[in-house]
C-alpha atoms as a PDB file:
ATOM      1  CA  MET A   1     -21.295  26.429   1.602  1.00  0.00           C
ATOM      2  CA  THR A   2     -24.352  24.980   1.277  1.00  0.00           C
ATOM      3  CA  ALA A   3     -26.218  22.516  -0.868  1.00  0.00           C
ATOM      4  CA  GLN A   4     -26.982  25.422  -3.516  1.00  0.00           C
ATOM      5  CA  PHE A   5     -23.648  26.057  -4.652  1.00  0.00           C
ATOM      6  CA  HIS A   6     -21.605  22.754  -4.618  1.00  0.00           C
ATOM      7  CA  ASP A   7     -21.560  21.186  -7.094  1.00  0.00           C
ATOM      8  CA  GLY A   8     -19.253  18.212  -5.790  1.00  0.00           C
ATOM      9  CA  ASN A   9     -16.064  19.120  -7.128  1.00  0.00           C
ATOM     10  CA  LEU A  10     -13.446  17.549  -5.467  1.00  0.00           C
ATOM     11  CA  LEU A  11     -10.893  20.252  -4.747  1.00  0.00           C
ATOM     12  CA  GLN A  12     -13.422  21.255  -1.820  1.00  0.00           C
ATOM     13  CA  PRO A  13     -14.538  20.118   1.209  1.00  0.00           C
ATOM     14  CA  PRO A  14     -17.962  18.289   1.246  1.00  0.00           C
ATOM     15  CA  LEU A  15     -21.499  18.872   3.124  1.00  0.00           C
ATOM     16  CA  ALA A  16     -21.455  16.916   5.740  1.00  0.00           C
ATOM     17  CA  GLN A  17     -24.967  15.328   4.627  1.00  0.00           C
ATOM     18  CA  ASP A  18     -22.497  13.628   1.878  1.00  0.00           C
ATOM     19  CA  MET A  19     -20.585  12.490   4.398  1.00  0.00           C
ATOM     20  CA  ILE A  20     -21.553   8.467   3.614  1.00  0.00           C
ATOM     21  CA  ALA A  21     -21.845   6.435   7.134  1.00  0.00           C
ATOM     22  CA  LEU A  22     -20.640   2.674   5.770  1.00  0.00           C
ATOM     23  CA  ASP A  23     -22.496  -0.816   6.674  1.00  0.00           C
ATOM     24  CA  PRO A  24     -22.101  -1.285  10.246  1.00  0.00           C
ATOM     25  CA  ALA A  25     -21.062  -4.982   9.362  1.00  0.00           C
ATOM     26  CA  PHE A  26     -18.416  -3.615   6.628  1.00  0.00           C
ATOM     27  CA  GLY A  27     -16.516  -3.112  10.036  1.00  0.00           C
ATOM     28  CA  THR A  28     -12.410  -1.695   9.815  1.00  0.00           C
ATOM     29  CA  ARG A  29     -10.836  -2.723   6.463  1.00  0.00           C
ATOM     30  CA  PHE A  30      -7.905  -1.632   4.713  1.00  0.00           C
ATOM     31  CA  MET A  31      -7.601  -1.681   0.524  1.00  0.00           C
ATOM     32  CA  LEU A  32      -4.539  -1.348  -2.039  1.00  0.00           C
ATOM     33  CA  PHE A  33      -4.630   0.817  -5.338  1.00  0.00           C
ATOM     34  CA  VAL A  34      -1.374   0.161  -7.689  1.00  0.00           C
ATOM     35  CA  ASP A  35      -0.879   3.326  -9.528  1.00  0.00           C
ATOM     36  CA  THR A  36      -0.058   1.111 -12.400  1.00  0.00           C
ATOM     37  CA  GLU A  37       2.484   3.285 -14.605  1.00  0.00           C
ATOM     38  CA  GLU A  38       5.362   3.528 -16.804  1.00  0.00           C
ATOM     39  CA  GLU A  39       8.789   3.388 -15.915  1.00  0.00           C
ATOM     40  CA  PHE A  40      10.044   7.181 -16.444  1.00  0.00           C
ATOM     41  CA  ASP A  41      13.238   9.084 -14.767  1.00  0.00           C
ATOM     42  CA  TRP A  42      11.704  11.093 -11.437  1.00  0.00           C
ATOM     43  CA  ASP A  43      13.712  13.513 -11.459  1.00  0.00           C
ATOM     44  CA  ALA A  44      13.997  14.187 -14.864  1.00  0.00           C
ATOM     45  CA  PRO A  45      11.240  16.868 -16.525  1.00  0.00           C
ATOM     46  CA  PHE A  46       8.332  15.250 -18.156  1.00  0.00           C
ATOM     47  CA  ASN A  47       8.494  13.645 -21.632  1.00  0.00           C
ATOM     48  CA  ARG A  48       6.240  12.051 -24.283  1.00  0.00           C
ATOM     49  CA  ALA A  49       9.089   9.696 -25.156  1.00  0.00           C
ATOM     50  CA  SER A  50       9.281   8.035 -21.801  1.00  0.00           C
ATOM     51  CA  ASP A  51       7.298   5.239 -22.020  1.00  0.00           C
ATOM     52  CA  ARG A  52       8.472   2.156 -21.578  1.00  0.00           C
ATOM     53  CA  VAL A  53       6.840  -0.072 -19.263  1.00  0.00           C
ATOM     54  CA  THR A  54       9.426  -3.161 -18.885  1.00  0.00           C
ATOM     55  CA  ALA A  55       8.225  -4.294 -14.523  1.00  0.00           C
ATOM     56  CA  LEU A  56       6.632  -6.772 -16.031  1.00  0.00           C
ATOM     57  CA  ALA A  57       8.326  -9.390 -13.667  1.00  0.00           C
ATOM     58  CA  GLY A  58       7.868  -7.619 -10.464  1.00  0.00           C
ATOM     59  CA  MET A  59       4.536  -6.880 -11.153  1.00  0.00           C
ATOM     60  CA  ALA A  60       4.149 -10.448 -11.422  1.00  0.00           C
ATOM     61  CA  ARG A  61       5.717 -11.083  -8.651  1.00  0.00           C
ATOM     62  CA  GLY A  62       3.877  -8.721  -6.106  1.00  0.00           C
ATOM     63  CA  GLN A  63       0.466  -9.598  -7.533  1.00  0.00           C
ATOM     64  CA  ALA A  64       1.185 -13.233  -5.794  1.00  0.00           C
ATOM     65  CA  TYR A  65       2.386 -11.410  -2.492  1.00  0.00           C
ATOM     66  CA  PHE A  66      -0.776 -10.508  -1.973  1.00  0.00           C
ATOM     67  CA  ALA A  67      -3.239 -12.332  -3.680  1.00  0.00           C
ATOM     68  CA  ALA A  68      -1.069 -15.457  -1.611  1.00  0.00           C
ATOM     69  CA  ALA A  69      -2.405 -13.021   1.666  1.00  0.00           C
ATOM     70  CA  GLY A  70      -5.164 -12.885   0.335  1.00  0.00           C
ATOM     71  CA  VAL A  71      -5.391  -9.076  -1.585  1.00  0.00           C
ATOM     72  CA  LYS A  72      -7.194  -7.795  -4.267  1.00  0.00           C
ATOM     73  CA  PRO A  73      -5.134  -4.564  -5.518  1.00  0.00           C
ATOM     74  CA  ILE A  74      -6.820  -2.599  -7.468  1.00  0.00           C
ATOM     75  CA  TYR A  75      -4.604  -1.559 -10.354  1.00  0.00           C
ATOM     76  CA  VAL A  76      -5.349   1.642 -11.642  1.00  0.00           C
ATOM     77  CA  THR A  77      -3.768   1.331 -14.975  1.00  0.00           C
ATOM     78  CA  ASP A  78      -2.382   4.157 -17.349  1.00  0.00           C
ATOM     79  CA  TYR A  79      -2.679   4.445 -21.221  1.00  0.00           C
ATOM     80  CA  PRO A  80       0.842   2.753 -21.504  1.00  0.00           C
ATOM     81  CA  VAL A  81       0.418   0.206 -19.509  1.00  0.00           C
ATOM     82  CA  ILE A  82      -2.996  -1.035 -20.972  1.00  0.00           C
ATOM     83  CA  ASP A  83      -1.069   0.185 -24.657  1.00  0.00           C
ATOM     84  CA  SER A  84       0.922  -2.991 -24.216  1.00  0.00           C
ATOM     85  CA  ASP A  85       0.067  -6.064 -25.036  1.00  0.00           C
ATOM     86  CA  ALA A  86       2.256  -8.407 -22.688  1.00  0.00           C
ATOM     87  CA  ALA A  87       1.063  -6.038 -19.557  1.00  0.00           C
ATOM     88  CA  ALA A  88      -3.064  -6.401 -20.923  1.00  0.00           C
ATOM     89  CA  THR A  89      -1.741 -10.242 -20.758  1.00  0.00           C
ATOM     90  CA  MET A  90      -0.490 -10.128 -17.824  1.00  0.00           C
ATOM     91  CA  MET A  91      -3.523  -8.706 -16.181  1.00  0.00           C
ATOM     92  CA  GLY A  92      -5.858  -9.923 -17.766  1.00  0.00           C
ATOM     93  CA  GLN A  93      -5.614 -12.642 -16.645  1.00  0.00           C
ATOM     94  CA  TRP A  94      -5.657 -11.649 -12.901  1.00  0.00           C
ATOM     95  CA  ILE A  95      -9.101 -10.701 -13.498  1.00  0.00           C
ATOM     96  CA  SER A  96      -9.797 -13.180 -14.946  1.00  0.00           C
ATOM     97  CA  ASP A  97      -8.568 -14.846 -11.653  1.00  0.00           C
ATOM     98  CA  GLY A  98     -10.799 -12.920  -9.680  1.00  0.00           C
ATOM     99  CA  ALA A  99      -7.185 -11.925  -7.748  1.00  0.00           C
ATOM    100  CA  ALA A 100      -7.523  -8.135  -9.349  1.00  0.00           C
ATOM    101  CA  ASP A 101      -9.449  -5.329 -10.559  1.00  0.00           C
ATOM    102  CA  ILE A 102      -8.167  -2.681 -12.751  1.00  0.00           C
ATOM    103  CA  GLY A 103      -8.710   1.530 -13.073  1.00  0.00           C
ATOM    104  CA  ALA A 104      -8.178   4.377 -14.633  1.00  0.00           C
ATOM    105  CA  HIS A 105      -4.623   6.192 -14.152  1.00  0.00           C
ATOM    106  CA  LEU A 106      -4.110   9.248 -16.250  1.00  0.00           C
ATOM    107  CA  HIS A 107      -0.694  10.678 -17.081  1.00  0.00           C
ATOM    108  CA  PRO A 108      -1.857  13.593 -19.259  1.00  0.00           C
ATOM    109  CA  TRP A 109       1.056  13.680 -20.844  1.00  0.00           C
ATOM    110  CA  VAL A 110       2.022  10.269 -21.835  1.00  0.00           C
ATOM    111  CA  ASN A 111      -2.304   9.555 -22.271  1.00  0.00           C
ATOM    112  CA  PRO A 112      -4.086  10.700 -26.273  1.00  0.00           C
ATOM    113  CA  PRO A 113      -4.769  13.141 -27.188  1.00  0.00           C
ATOM    114  CA  HIS A 114      -0.888  14.731 -27.283  1.00  0.00           C
ATOM    115  CA  VAL A 115      -2.478  18.294 -27.594  1.00  0.00           C
ATOM    116  CA  GLU A 116      -0.701  20.493 -24.535  1.00  0.00           C
ATOM    117  CA  ASP A 117       2.021  21.704 -24.285  1.00  0.00           C
ATOM    118  CA  VAL A 118       4.233  18.873 -21.921  1.00  0.00           C
ATOM    119  CA  ASN A 119       5.590  20.587 -18.684  1.00  0.00           C
ATOM    120  CA  ALA A 120       4.877  20.533 -14.944  1.00  0.00           C
ATOM    121  CA  ALA A 121       1.716  22.787 -15.080  1.00  0.00           C
ATOM    122  CA  ASN A 122       0.153  20.034 -16.865  1.00  0.00           C
ATOM    123  CA  SER A 123       0.851  16.857 -15.541  1.00  0.00           C
ATOM    124  CA  TYR A 124      -2.020  17.847 -13.617  1.00  0.00           C
ATOM    125  CA  VAL A 125      -4.920  16.489 -15.895  1.00  0.00           C
ATOM    126  CA  GLY A 126      -8.196  18.301 -13.695  1.00  0.00           C
ATOM    127  CA  PHE A 127      -6.591  21.708 -14.224  1.00  0.00           C
ATOM    128  CA  LEU A 128      -5.909  21.084 -18.411  1.00  0.00           C
ATOM    129  CA  PRO A 129      -8.487  22.343 -20.099  1.00  0.00           C
ATOM    130  CA  GLU A 130     -11.898  20.401 -19.756  1.00  0.00           C
ATOM    131  CA  ALA A 131     -12.130  19.404 -23.416  1.00  0.00           C
ATOM    132  CA  VAL A 132      -8.918  18.366 -23.127  1.00  0.00           C
ATOM    133  CA  GLU A 133      -9.473  16.657 -20.159  1.00  0.00           C
ATOM    134  CA  ARG A 134     -12.331  15.034 -21.479  1.00  0.00           C
ATOM    135  CA  ALA A 135     -10.531  13.928 -24.707  1.00  0.00           C
ATOM    136  CA  LYS A 136      -7.896  11.558 -22.558  1.00  0.00           C
ATOM    137  CA  LEU A 137     -10.021   9.949 -19.729  1.00  0.00           C
ATOM    138  CA  GLU A 138     -12.197   8.801 -22.594  1.00  0.00           C
ATOM    139  CA  ALA A 139      -9.154   7.894 -24.739  1.00  0.00           C
ATOM    140  CA  LEU A 140      -8.107   6.223 -21.715  1.00  0.00           C
ATOM    141  CA  CYS A 141     -11.643   4.396 -20.998  1.00  0.00           C
ATOM    142  CA  GLN A 142     -11.648   3.424 -24.670  1.00  0.00           C
ATOM    143  CA  ARG A 143      -8.816   1.765 -24.596  1.00  0.00           C
ATOM    144  CA  ILE A 144      -9.086  -0.005 -20.823  1.00  0.00           C
ATOM    145  CA  GLU A 145     -12.635  -1.100 -22.279  1.00  0.00           C
ATOM    146  CA  ALA A 146     -11.035  -2.390 -25.499  1.00  0.00           C
ATOM    147  CA  ARG A 147      -8.769  -4.766 -23.616  1.00  0.00           C
ATOM    148  CA  PHE A 148     -11.201  -6.271 -20.504  1.00  0.00           C
ATOM    149  CA  GLY A 149     -14.916  -5.601 -22.143  1.00  0.00           C
ATOM    150  CA  ARG A 150     -15.274  -4.128 -19.838  1.00  0.00           C
ATOM    151  CA  ARG A 151     -14.998   0.558 -18.563  1.00  0.00           C
ATOM    152  CA  PRO A 152     -13.120   1.500 -15.949  1.00  0.00           C
ATOM    153  CA  ILE A 153     -15.231   1.523 -12.439  1.00  0.00           C
ATOM    154  CA  ALA A 154     -12.301   3.183 -10.540  1.00  0.00           C
ATOM    155  CA  TYR A 155      -9.816   6.356 -11.426  1.00  0.00           C
ATOM    156  CA  ARG A 156      -7.316   7.528  -9.636  1.00  0.00           C
ATOM    157  CA  ALA A 157      -5.611  11.163 -11.313  1.00  0.00           C
ATOM    158  CA  GLY A 158      -1.438  11.009 -11.837  1.00  0.00           C
ATOM    159  CA  ARG A 159      -0.139  13.540  -9.301  1.00  0.00           C
ATOM    160  CA  TYR A 160      -3.648  13.174  -7.726  1.00  0.00           C
ATOM    161  CA  GLY A 161      -4.234  15.733 -10.374  1.00  0.00           C
ATOM    162  CA  VAL A 162      -7.878  16.654 -10.107  1.00  0.00           C
ATOM    163  CA  GLY A 163      -9.485  19.478 -11.197  1.00  0.00           C
ATOM    164  CA  PRO A 164     -12.526  21.802 -10.666  1.00  0.00           C
ATOM    165  CA  ASN A 165     -14.169  20.152 -13.530  1.00  0.00           C
ATOM    166  CA  SER A 166     -12.831  16.190 -13.148  1.00  0.00           C
ATOM    167  CA  ALA A 167     -15.995  14.941 -10.486  1.00  0.00           C
ATOM    168  CA  ARG A 168     -18.674  15.948 -13.313  1.00  0.00           C
ATOM    169  CA  LEU A 169     -16.186  14.958 -15.833  1.00  0.00           C
ATOM    170  CA  LEU A 170     -15.924  11.150 -13.824  1.00  0.00           C
ATOM    171  CA  GLU A 171     -19.179  10.336 -13.175  1.00  0.00           C
ATOM    172  CA  GLU A 172     -19.886  11.434 -16.840  1.00  0.00           C
ATOM    173  CA  ALA A 173     -18.048   9.062 -17.721  1.00  0.00           C
ATOM    174  CA  GLY A 174     -19.897   6.669 -15.616  1.00  0.00           C
ATOM    175  CA  PHE A 175     -17.218   6.357 -12.992  1.00  0.00           C
ATOM    176  CA  ARG A 176     -18.290   5.035  -9.398  1.00  0.00           C
ATOM    177  CA  LEU A 177     -15.150   5.172  -6.846  1.00  0.00           C
ATOM    178  CA  ASP A 178     -12.197   8.038  -7.151  1.00  0.00           C
ATOM    179  CA  SER A 179      -9.018   7.494  -5.388  1.00  0.00           C
ATOM    180  CA  SER A 180      -7.540  10.698  -5.891  1.00  0.00           C
ATOM    181  CA  VAL A 181      -7.029  13.362  -3.047  1.00  0.00           C
ATOM    182  CA  ARG A 182      -5.103  12.806  -0.225  1.00  0.00           C
ATOM    183  CA  SER A 183      -5.901  14.186   1.990  1.00  0.00           C
ATOM    184  CA  ARG A 184      -3.869  16.583   4.503  1.00  0.00           C
ATOM    185  CA  PHE A 185      -1.337  17.168   1.399  1.00  0.00           C
ATOM    186  CA  ASP A 186      -0.795  20.090  -0.766  1.00  0.00           C
ATOM    187  CA  TYR A 187       0.249  20.970  -4.451  1.00  0.00           C
ATOM    188  CA  SER A 188      -0.581  23.971  -5.341  1.00  0.00           C
ATOM    189  CA  HIS A 189       2.950  25.511  -4.343  1.00  0.00           C
ATOM    190  CA  GLN A 190       3.766  22.962  -7.878  1.00  0.00           C
ATOM    191  CA  HIS A 191       0.484  23.785  -9.790  1.00  0.00           C
ATOM    192  CA  GLY A 192      -1.566  21.323  -7.856  1.00  0.00           C
ATOM    193  CA  PRO A 193      -4.170  20.225  -5.665  1.00  0.00           C
ATOM    194  CA  ASP A 194      -4.850  20.966  -2.325  1.00  0.00           C
ATOM    195  CA  PHE A 195      -6.490  18.705  -0.648  1.00  0.00           C
ATOM    196  CA  ARG A 196      -5.698  20.122   2.890  1.00  0.00           C
ATOM    197  CA  GLY A 197      -9.181  20.135   5.195  1.00  0.00           C
ATOM    198  CA  LEU A 198     -10.367  17.682   3.764  1.00  0.00           C
ATOM    199  CA  PRO A 199     -11.648  13.883   5.034  1.00  0.00           C
ATOM    200  CA  GLN A 200     -10.325  10.613   5.691  1.00  0.00           C
ATOM    201  CA  HIS A 201     -13.741   9.108   5.434  1.00  0.00           C
ATOM    202  CA  PRO A 202     -15.429   8.124   2.211  1.00  0.00           C
ATOM    203  CA  TYR A 203     -18.001  10.681   0.771  1.00  0.00           C
ATOM    204  CA  TRP A 204     -20.633  11.614  -1.920  1.00  0.00           C
ATOM    205  CA  ALA A 205     -18.764  13.560  -4.958  1.00  0.00           C
ATOM    206  CA  GLY A 206     -19.636  15.386  -8.411  1.00  0.00           C
ATOM    207  CA  PRO A 207     -22.791  16.845  -9.540  1.00  0.00           C
ATOM    208  CA  THR A 208     -25.541  14.538  -9.113  1.00  0.00           C
ATOM    209  CA  ARG A 209     -23.509  13.283  -5.795  1.00  0.00           C
ATOM    210  CA  LEU A 210     -22.890   9.453  -7.603  1.00  0.00           C
ATOM    211  CA  LEU A 211     -19.496   9.656  -7.739  1.00  0.00           C
ATOM    212  CA  ILE A 212     -17.626   7.864  -4.372  1.00  0.00           C
ATOM    213  CA  GLU A 213     -14.341   9.818  -2.895  1.00  0.00           C
ATOM    214  CA  LEU A 214     -11.971   7.212  -1.595  1.00  0.00           C
ATOM    215  CA  PRO A 215      -9.061   9.597   0.397  1.00  0.00           C
ATOM    216  CA  LEU A 216      -5.548   8.215  -0.085  1.00  0.00           C
ATOM    217  CA  SER A 217      -4.891   7.409   4.002  1.00  0.00           C
ATOM    218  CA  THR A 218      -2.812   9.806   5.936  1.00  0.00           C
ATOM    219  CA  ALA A 219      -1.726  10.415   9.498  1.00  0.00           C
ATOM    220  CA  PHE A 220      -0.952  12.489  12.303  1.00  0.00           C
ATOM    221  CA  ALA A 221       0.882  10.221  14.392  1.00  0.00           C
ATOM    222  CA  GLY A 222       3.002  11.867  18.025  1.00  0.00           C
ATOM    223  CA  LEU A 223       2.142  13.044  20.962  1.00  0.00           C
ATOM    224  CA  LEU A 224       0.599  15.732  19.795  1.00  0.00           C
ATOM    225  CA  ARG A 225      -1.339  14.209  16.349  1.00  0.00           C
ATOM    226  CA  GLY A 226      -3.971  15.780  18.415  1.00  0.00           C
ATOM    227  CA  GLY A 227      -2.801  19.704  16.848  1.00  0.00           C
ATOM    228  CA  GLY A 228      -3.359  17.863  13.380  1.00  0.00           C
ATOM    229  CA  GLU A 229      -3.260  20.080  10.671  1.00  0.00           C
ATOM    230  CA  ARG A 230      -3.320  23.329  12.534  1.00  0.00           C
ATOM    231  CA  LEU A 231      -0.132  22.227  14.347  1.00  0.00           C
ATOM    232  CA  TYR A 232       0.904  21.067  10.784  1.00  0.00           C
ATOM    233  CA  ARG A 233       0.817  23.806   9.242  1.00  0.00           C
ATOM    234  CA  ALA A 234       2.523  25.668  11.892  1.00  0.00           C
ATOM    235  CA  ALA A 235       5.649  23.637  12.216  1.00  0.00           C
ATOM    236  CA  GLN A 236       6.266  23.766   8.616  1.00  0.00           C
ATOM    237  CA  ALA A 237       5.637  27.413   8.107  1.00  0.00           C
ATOM    238  CA  ILE A 238       8.849  27.606  10.593  1.00  0.00           C
ATOM    239  CA  GLY A 239      10.533  25.281   9.075  1.00  0.00           C
ATOM    240  CA  PRO A 240      13.082  23.471  10.783  1.00  0.00           C
ATOM    241  CA  LEU A 241      10.572  22.619  13.602  1.00  0.00           C
ATOM    242  CA  ALA A 242       8.673  20.648  11.551  1.00  0.00           C
ATOM    243  CA  GLY A 243      11.968  17.833  11.827  1.00  0.00           C
ATOM    244  CA  ALA A 244      12.479  18.160  15.051  1.00  0.00           C
ATOM    245  CA  LEU A 245       9.012  16.925  15.874  1.00  0.00           C
ATOM    246  CA  SER A 246       8.899  14.388  13.812  1.00  0.00           C
ATOM    247  CA  ARG A 247      12.318  12.746  14.637  1.00  0.00           C
ATOM    248  CA  ALA A 248      10.842  13.371  18.577  1.00  0.00           C
ATOM    249  CA  ARG A 249       8.574  11.246  17.438  1.00  0.00           C
ATOM    250  CA  MET A 250       6.247  13.552  18.930  1.00  0.00           C
ATOM    251  CA  PHE A 251       4.276  14.785  15.344  1.00  0.00           C
ATOM    252  CA  SER A 252       4.299  13.531  11.891  1.00  0.00           C
ATOM    253  CA  ARG A 253       2.509  13.084   9.065  1.00  0.00           C
ATOM    254  CA  ILE A 254       2.278   9.551   7.966  1.00  0.00           C
ATOM    255  CA  PRO A 255       1.075   8.492   4.516  1.00  0.00           C
ATOM    256  CA  LEU A 256       0.105   4.724   4.583  1.00  0.00           C
ATOM    257  CA  THR A 257       2.750   3.633   1.866  1.00  0.00           C
ATOM    258  CA  PRO A 258       6.129   1.897   1.991  1.00  0.00           C
ATOM    259  CA  GLU A 259       8.030   4.745  -0.145  1.00  0.00           C
ATOM    260  CA  GLY A 260       9.918   6.383   2.273  1.00  0.00           C
ATOM    261  CA  VAL A 261       7.508   5.411   5.017  1.00  0.00           C
ATOM    262  CA  PRO A 262       9.618   2.734   7.805  1.00  0.00           C
ATOM    263  CA  LEU A 263       8.092  -0.250   9.193  1.00  0.00           C
ATOM    264  CA  GLN A 264       6.793   1.099  12.474  1.00  0.00           C
ATOM    265  CA  GLU A 265       6.081   4.740  11.011  1.00  0.00           C
ATOM    266  CA  ALA A 266       3.522   2.920   9.168  1.00  0.00           C
ATOM    267  CA  ILE A 267       1.935   0.874  12.137  1.00  0.00           C
ATOM    268  CA  ALA A 268       1.319   3.986  14.193  1.00  0.00           C
ATOM    269  CA  ALA A 269       0.207   5.971  11.420  1.00  0.00           C
ATOM    270  CA  ILE A 270      -3.051   2.494  11.175  1.00  0.00           C
ATOM    271  CA  ASP A 271      -3.016   3.048  15.025  1.00  0.00           C
ATOM    272  CA  ALA A 272      -3.705   7.021  14.994  1.00  0.00           C
ATOM    273  CA  LEU A 273      -5.912   6.815  12.008  1.00  0.00           C
ATOM    274  CA  MET A 274      -8.010   3.598  13.852  1.00  0.00           C
ATOM    275  CA  GLU A 275      -8.323   5.735  16.909  1.00  0.00           C
ATOM    276  CA  GLU A 276      -9.869   8.552  14.600  1.00  0.00           C
ATOM    277  CA  GLY A 277     -12.590   6.288  13.651  1.00  0.00           C
ATOM    278  CA  VAL A 278     -11.111   6.192   9.941  1.00  0.00           C
ATOM    279  CA  ARG A 279     -12.619   3.037   8.746  1.00  0.00           C
ATOM    280  CA  VAL A 280     -11.264   2.317   5.143  1.00  0.00           C
ATOM    281  CA  LEU A 281      -7.199   2.674   5.123  1.00  0.00           C
ATOM    282  CA  ASN A 282      -5.979   3.063   1.416  1.00  0.00           C
ATOM    283  CA  PHE A 283      -2.852   1.953   1.071  1.00  0.00           C
ATOM    284  CA  SER A 284      -0.614   2.664  -2.510  1.00  0.00           C
ATOM    285  CA  PHE A 285       1.819   2.753  -4.103  1.00  0.00           C
ATOM    286  CA  HIS A 286       3.666   3.041  -7.910  1.00  0.00           C
ATOM    287  CA  SER A 287       4.129  -0.704  -9.807  1.00  0.00           C
ATOM    288  CA  PRO A 288       7.586   0.268 -10.913  1.00  0.00           C
ATOM    289  CA  THR A 289       8.411   0.150  -7.323  1.00  0.00           C
ATOM    290  CA  LEU A 290       8.229  -3.702  -7.532  1.00  0.00           C
ATOM    291  CA  GLU A 291      11.290  -3.663 -10.068  1.00  0.00           C
ATOM    292  CA  PRO A 292      14.430  -2.898  -8.695  1.00  0.00           C
ATOM    293  CA  GLY A 293      15.902   0.352 -10.682  1.00  0.00           C
ATOM    294  CA  HIS A 294      12.642   2.398 -11.499  1.00  0.00           C
ATOM    295  CA  THR A 295      11.595   4.505  -8.885  1.00  0.00           C
ATOM    296  CA  PRO A 296      13.799   6.258  -5.704  1.00  0.00           C
ATOM    297  CA  TYR A 297      12.602   3.880  -3.173  1.00  0.00           C
ATOM    298  CA  VAL A 298      13.673   0.285  -4.828  1.00  0.00           C
ATOM    299  CA  ARG A 299      17.383   0.765  -6.221  1.00  0.00           C
ATOM    300  CA  ASP A 300      18.713  -2.696  -5.938  1.00  0.00           C
ATOM    301  CA  GLU A 301      17.114  -5.671  -4.573  1.00  0.00           C
ATOM    302  CA  ALA A 302      17.879  -4.839  -0.569  1.00  0.00           C
ATOM    303  CA  ASP A 303      15.606  -2.539  -0.788  1.00  0.00           C
ATOM    304  CA  LEU A 304      13.414  -4.564  -3.059  1.00  0.00           C
ATOM    305  CA  ALA A 305      13.051  -7.220   0.089  1.00  0.00           C
ATOM    306  CA  VAL A 306      12.992  -4.397   2.460  1.00  0.00           C
ATOM    307  CA  PHE A 307       9.677  -4.300   0.415  1.00  0.00           C
ATOM    308  CA  TYR A 308       7.792  -7.050   0.979  1.00  0.00           C
ATOM    309  CA  ARG A 309       9.696  -6.887   5.136  1.00  0.00           C
ATOM    310  CA  TRP A 310       7.439  -4.099   5.114  1.00  0.00           C
ATOM    311  CA  TRP A 311       4.713  -5.362   4.128  1.00  0.00           C
ATOM    312  CA  GLY A 312       4.546  -8.825   6.284  1.00  0.00           C
ATOM    313  CA  GLY A 313       4.882  -6.179   8.840  1.00  0.00           C
ATOM    314  CA  VAL A 314       1.591  -4.028   7.803  1.00  0.00           C
ATOM    315  CA  LEU A 315      -0.472  -7.152   7.000  1.00  0.00           C
ATOM    316  CA  ALA A 316       0.594  -8.555  10.576  1.00  0.00           C
ATOM    317  CA  HIS A 317      -0.410  -6.013  12.001  1.00  0.00           C
ATOM    318  CA  LEU A 318      -3.858  -5.332  10.699  1.00  0.00           C
ATOM    319  CA  ALA A 319      -4.056  -8.642  11.484  1.00  0.00           C
ATOM    320  CA  ARG A 320      -4.011  -8.755  15.744  1.00  0.00           C
ATOM    321  CA  ARG A 321      -6.221  -4.878  14.469  1.00  0.00           C
ATOM    322  CA  GLY A 322      -8.622  -7.397  13.345  1.00  0.00           C
ATOM    323  CA  VAL A 323      -8.603  -5.857   9.585  1.00  0.00           C
ATOM    324  CA  THR A 324      -8.660  -7.916   6.607  1.00  0.00           C
ATOM    325  CA  ALA A 325      -8.588  -6.742   2.535  1.00  0.00           C
ATOM    326  CA  ALA A 326     -11.487  -5.366   1.492  1.00  0.00           C
ATOM    327  CA  SER A 327     -12.511  -5.012  -2.468  1.00  0.00           C
ATOM    328  CA  ILE A 328     -13.954  -1.873  -4.632  1.00  0.00           C
ATOM    329  CA  ASP A 329     -17.557  -4.279  -4.697  1.00  0.00           C
ATOM    330  CA  GLN A 330     -16.561  -4.890  -1.536  1.00  0.00           C
ATOM    331  CA  LEU A 331     -16.680  -1.361  -0.296  1.00  0.00           C
ATOM    332  CA  ILE A 332     -19.269  -0.260  -2.748  1.00  0.00           C
ATOM    333  CA  ALA A 333     -21.679  -2.651  -1.942  1.00  0.00           C
ATOM    334  CA  ALA A 334     -21.073  -1.738   2.338  1.00  0.00           C
ATOM    335  CA  VAL A 335     -22.218   2.365   0.725  1.00  0.00           C
ATOM    336  CA  PRO A 336     -26.123   2.690   1.587  1.00  0.00           C
ATOM    337  CA  PRO A 337     -27.819   4.173  -0.851  1.00  0.00           C
ATOM    338  CA  ARG A 338     -27.977   7.916  -1.273  1.00  0.00           C
ATOM    339  CA  GLY A 339     -30.039   9.692   0.662  1.00  0.00           C
ATOM    340  CA  GLN A 340     -28.875   7.673   3.411  1.00  0.00           C
ATOM    341  CA  ALA A 341     -25.833   9.640   3.807  1.00  0.00           C
ATOM    342  CA  CYS A 342     -24.908  10.675   6.792  1.00  0.00           C
ATOM    343  CA  LYS A 343     -22.056  11.598   8.983  1.00  0.00           C
ATOM    344  CA  ALA A 344     -19.352   9.391   9.051  1.00  0.00           C
ATOM    345  CA  ALA A 345     -19.204   6.920  11.848  1.00  0.00           C
END
């Protein structure tokens, strides 16, 4: 695809000249995005009334843990959370302390204006009509600005649900950074985006290339990892083969998250991504996981202890590999001006 016809759409692979070569002094770093959202039943249909925000004690404990570890999380935050006085007060203090950053996270079914039907297809905001996506994004930005005195510059769509208009709307709204692209995943079978074939490295997106795309990090690990997406698709098509290869530790797809990923697999993923030359390791999890009983990943106190042991092991491994935490400001400062963008180092 030529530059003449590439509009910076987040569903399309970037052009070679859109790849970002970070400042060499930045080194290899990691970032933590927390999808900060209401609690709801993950197995139930989407429901506008499911908008409770009660996991604040768990969030406070998590923030204290990461601050002590020298990590500045980016809490990409959706409407019910930012609309909660208790949550906004707590998070506002973290911002004032310089211990966290706040971004935007859009769950369309609980984000005004409420004009669309609530169903699985409409849970991906990027596939709603452009005017609806724009209106919901602006409502969220205005609520965040009212709470914290400034508009957000970082974004992640709920359910990774960016669509054909999303990059342009994000540029128009003043965002500098998007982290919605979940490379190596395909949600098209459930009405969502297909991110297969997209990079692990940051790149310029949007029609005027003012938006930095920082994909979530997902590794292929195992002895056959060189097969990459082609092998993964082939194994998935056969069915049982994918599970057999994973159990044999020959080949598996591993996202950088404590949710459903064992510690040793996460360490293998870190090493595989570094071997690929990935300069920013992008970790994520959902805020309700920080308190037992809200997500499938932390059902009780024992699961919560495993969650923190996972982070202890991951942070220790990152330290051994010389990979330190980075904030939004540090990442943006390492991005050269658009004219100097080139093939990722």
